[in-house]
């Protein structure tokens, strides 16, 4: 049998796992939102908070997906029925459950109808 000792990943390492690999979680979720025509912005404070929660739960990198899914699932489900949403912004307050994801709507130019 092979034995190896493992150390817990720190916050910086978890943030890199969220953003850097080719198939990083942030990139995967961004692509899912793109399929609905919506840009996903996950701010650095949100990434830190996701990493911190994974460390608190002692789930390491495996727990990152669960945390992100808990935060984004409802929005992903509701997006197809929402009109004119162009961007979804996630910050630390969303990760902590203090706010819902921030929805940015595209500006719809009203067309003036000529009454002539």
C-alpha atoms as a PDB file:
ATOM      1  CA  UNK A   1       0.000   0.000   0.000  1.00  0.00           C
ATOM      2  CA  UNK A   2       1.067   3.535  -0.750  1.00  0.00           C
ATOM      3  CA  UNK A   3       0.692   6.068   2.030  1.00  0.00           C
ATOM      4  CA  UNK A   4       0.772   9.792   1.557  1.00  0.00           C
ATOM      5  CA  UNK A   5       0.193  12.639   3.927  1.00  0.00           C
ATOM      6  CA  UNK A   6      -2.015  15.415   2.691  1.00  0.00           C
ATOM      7  CA  UNK A   7      -2.242  18.960   3.870  1.00  0.00           C
ATOM      8  CA  UNK A   8      -5.342  21.086   3.722  1.00  0.00           C
ATOM      9  CA  UNK A   9      -5.486  23.513   0.841  1.00  0.00           C
ATOM     10  CA  UNK A  10      -5.361  27.159   1.819  1.00  0.00           C
ATOM     11  CA  UNK A  11      -7.683  29.891   0.581  1.00  0.00           C
ATOM     12  CA  UNK A  12      -5.351  30.950  -2.241  1.00  0.00           C
ATOM     13  CA  UNK A  13      -5.059  27.378  -3.540  1.00  0.00           C
ATOM     14  CA  UNK A  14      -8.837  26.930  -3.521  1.00  0.00           C
ATOM     15  CA  UNK A  15      -9.292  30.214  -5.388  1.00  0.00           C
ATOM     16  CA  UNK A  16      -6.842  29.010  -8.035  1.00  0.00           C
ATOM     17  CA  UNK A  17      -8.776  25.755  -8.355  1.00  0.00           C
ATOM     18  CA  UNK A  18     -11.958  27.780  -8.923  1.00  0.00           C
ATOM     19  CA  UNK A  19     -10.456  29.917 -11.687  1.00  0.00           C
ATOM     20  CA  UNK A  20      -7.260  28.582 -13.266  1.00  0.00           C
ATOM     21  CA  UNK A  21      -7.608  25.060 -14.712  1.00  0.00           C
ATOM     22  CA  UNK A  22      -8.936  24.636 -18.239  1.00  0.00           C
ATOM     23  CA  UNK A  23     -12.220  23.277 -16.894  1.00  0.00           C
ATOM     24  CA  UNK A  24     -12.368  25.388 -13.722  1.00  0.00           C
ATOM     25  CA  UNK A  25     -15.745  25.653 -11.992  1.00  0.00           C
ATOM     26  CA  UNK A  26     -16.053  29.381 -12.657  1.00  0.00           C
ATOM     27  CA  UNK A  27     -15.447  28.776 -16.370  1.00  0.00           C
ATOM     28  CA  UNK A  28     -17.987  25.941 -16.437  1.00  0.00           C
ATOM     29  CA  UNK A  29     -20.695  28.051 -14.837  1.00  0.00           C
ATOM     30  CA  UNK A  30     -19.844  31.033 -17.054  1.00  0.00           C
ATOM     31  CA  UNK A  31     -20.360  28.794 -20.089  1.00  0.00           C
ATOM     32  CA  UNK A  32     -23.720  27.565 -18.777  1.00  0.00           C
ATOM     33  CA  UNK A  33     -24.877  31.155 -18.340  1.00  0.00           C
ATOM     34  CA  UNK A  34     -23.547  32.072 -21.811  1.00  0.00           C
ATOM     35  CA  UNK A  35     -25.835  29.416 -23.251  1.00  0.00           C
ATOM     36  CA  UNK A  36     -28.724  31.551 -21.953  1.00  0.00           C
ATOM     37  CA  UNK A  37     -27.154  34.703 -23.416  1.00  0.00           C
ATOM     38  CA  UNK A  38     -26.145  35.997 -19.982  1.00  0.00           C
ATOM     39  CA  UNK A  39     -22.719  36.984 -18.693  1.00  0.00           C
ATOM     40  CA  UNK A  40     -21.747  35.650 -15.258  1.00  0.00           C
ATOM     41  CA  UNK A  41     -19.472  37.783 -13.081  1.00  0.00           C
ATOM     42  CA  UNK A  42     -18.166  36.243  -9.879  1.00  0.00           C
ATOM     43  CA  UNK A  43     -16.230  38.870  -7.960  1.00  0.00           C
ATOM     44  CA  UNK A  44     -13.011  38.184  -6.067  1.00  0.00           C
ATOM     45  CA  UNK A  45     -14.680  38.651  -2.680  1.00  0.00           C
ATOM     46  CA  UNK A  46     -17.164  35.929  -3.647  1.00  0.00           C
ATOM     47  CA  UNK A  47     -14.339  33.573  -4.654  1.00  0.00           C
ATOM     48  CA  UNK A  48     -12.657  34.197  -1.297  1.00  0.00           C
ATOM     49  CA  UNK A  49     -15.909  33.506   0.524  1.00  0.00           C
ATOM     50  CA  UNK A  50     -16.513  30.276  -1.422  1.00  0.00           C
ATOM     51  CA  UNK A  51     -12.968  29.164  -0.559  1.00  0.00           C
ATOM     52  CA  UNK A  52     -13.438  30.120   3.092  1.00  0.00           C
ATOM     53  CA  UNK A  53     -16.689  28.137   3.323  1.00  0.00           C
ATOM     54  CA  UNK A  54     -15.016  25.067   1.811  1.00  0.00           C
ATOM     55  CA  UNK A  55     -12.237  25.374   4.390  1.00  0.00           C
ATOM     56  CA  UNK A  56     -14.753  25.766   7.247  1.00  0.00           C
ATOM     57  CA  UNK A  57     -16.626  22.673   6.114  1.00  0.00           C
ATOM     58  CA  UNK A  58     -13.334  20.821   5.658  1.00  0.00           C
ATOM     59  CA  UNK A  59     -14.476  19.698   2.220  1.00  0.00           C
ATOM     60  CA  UNK A  60     -11.529  21.157   0.337  1.00  0.00           C
ATOM     61  CA  UNK A  61     -11.708  21.358  -3.436  1.00  0.00           C
ATOM     62  CA  UNK A  62     -14.545  18.807  -3.594  1.00  0.00           C
ATOM     63  CA  UNK A  63     -16.822  21.154  -1.672  1.00  0.00           C
ATOM     64  CA  UNK A  64     -16.368  24.065  -4.060  1.00  0.00           C
ATOM     65  CA  UNK A  65     -18.888  22.707  -6.576  1.00  0.00           C
ATOM     66  CA  UNK A  66     -21.525  22.169  -3.886  1.00  0.00           C
ATOM     67  CA  UNK A  67     -21.194  25.733  -2.621  1.00  0.00           C
ATOM     68  CA  UNK A  68     -21.362  27.215  -6.118  1.00  0.00           C
ATOM     69  CA  UNK A  69     -24.342  25.063  -7.019  1.00  0.00           C
ATOM     70  CA  UNK A  70     -26.236  26.162  -3.891  1.00  0.00           C
ATOM     71  CA  UNK A  71     -25.672  29.793  -4.857  1.00  0.00           C
ATOM     72  CA  UNK A  72     -26.387  29.565  -8.597  1.00  0.00           C
ATOM     73  CA  UNK A  73     -28.972  26.809  -9.017  1.00  0.00           C
ATOM     74  CA  UNK A  74     -32.139  28.898  -8.551  1.00  0.00           C
ATOM     75  CA  UNK A  75     -30.873  31.624 -10.868  1.00  0.00           C
ATOM     76  CA  UNK A  76     -29.915  29.066 -13.519  1.00  0.00           C
ATOM     77  CA  UNK A  77     -33.389  27.559 -13.273  1.00  0.00           C
ATOM     78  CA  UNK A  78     -35.165  30.939 -13.486  1.00  0.00           C
ATOM     79  CA  UNK A  79     -33.053  32.548 -16.230  1.00  0.00           C
ATOM     80  CA  UNK A  80     -34.764  30.956 -19.240  1.00  0.00           C
ATOM     81  CA  UNK A  81     -38.081  32.542 -18.237  1.00  0.00           C
ATOM     82  CA  UNK A  82     -36.590  35.985 -17.551  1.00  0.00           C
ATOM     83  CA  UNK A  83     -36.471  38.612 -20.271  1.00  0.00           C
ATOM     84  CA  UNK A  84     -33.637  41.023 -20.988  1.00  0.00           C
ATOM     85  CA  UNK A  85     -31.186  39.850 -18.298  1.00  0.00           C
ATOM     86  CA  UNK A  86     -27.693  40.515 -19.639  1.00  0.00           C
ATOM     87  CA  UNK A  87     -25.523  39.829 -16.603  1.00  0.00           C
ATOM     88  CA  UNK A  88     -25.592  38.076 -13.234  1.00  0.00           C
ATOM     89  CA  UNK A  89     -23.196  39.368 -10.570  1.00  0.00           C
ATOM     90  CA  UNK A  90     -22.166  37.331  -7.542  1.00  0.00           C
ATOM     91  CA  UNK A  91     -20.371  38.932  -4.603  1.00  0.00           C
ATOM     92  CA  UNK A  92     -19.630  37.830  -1.033  1.00  0.00           C
ATOM     93  CA  UNK A  93     -23.057  38.938   0.212  1.00  0.00           C
ATOM     94  CA  UNK A  94     -24.673  36.464  -2.188  1.00  0.00           C
ATOM     95  CA  UNK A  95     -22.410  33.633  -1.011  1.00  0.00           C
ATOM     96  CA  UNK A  96     -23.292  34.449   2.620  1.00  0.00           C
ATOM     97  CA  UNK A  97     -27.021  34.399   1.846  1.00  0.00           C
ATOM     98  CA  UNK A  98     -27.467  38.112   2.597  1.00  0.00           C
ATOM     99  CA  UNK A  99     -28.532  38.932  -0.981  1.00  0.00           C
ATOM    100  CA  UNK A 100     -29.767  37.138  -4.054  1.00  0.00           C
ATOM    101  CA  UNK A 101     -27.610  37.254  -7.192  1.00  0.00           C
ATOM    102  CA  UNK A 102     -27.654  40.718  -8.735  1.00  0.00           C
ATOM    103  CA  UNK A 103     -29.377  40.773 -12.122  1.00  0.00           C
ATOM    104  CA  UNK A 104     -28.381  43.395 -14.671  1.00  0.00           C
ATOM    105  CA  UNK A 105     -30.926  44.038 -17.397  1.00  0.00           C
ATOM    106  CA  UNK A 106     -30.082  45.231 -20.883  1.00  0.00           C
ATOM    107  CA  UNK A 107     -31.438  48.590 -21.840  1.00  0.00           C
ATOM    108  CA  UNK A 108     -34.383  48.302 -24.170  1.00  0.00           C
ATOM    109  CA  UNK A 109     -34.665  51.250 -26.479  1.00  0.00           C
ATOM    110  CA  UNK A 110     -38.268  52.290 -26.884  1.00  0.00           C
ATOM    111  CA  UNK A 111     -39.111  52.855 -30.487  1.00  0.00           C
ATOM    112  CA  UNK A 112     -41.037  56.027 -31.041  1.00  0.00           C
ATOM    113  CA  UNK A 113     -44.000  55.601 -33.294  1.00  0.00           C
ATOM    114  CA  UNK A 114     -44.412  58.526 -35.634  1.00  0.00           C
ATOM    115  CA  UNK A 115     -47.905  59.946 -35.440  1.00  0.00           C
ATOM    116  CA  UNK A 116     -47.655  61.739 -38.760  1.00  0.00           C
END
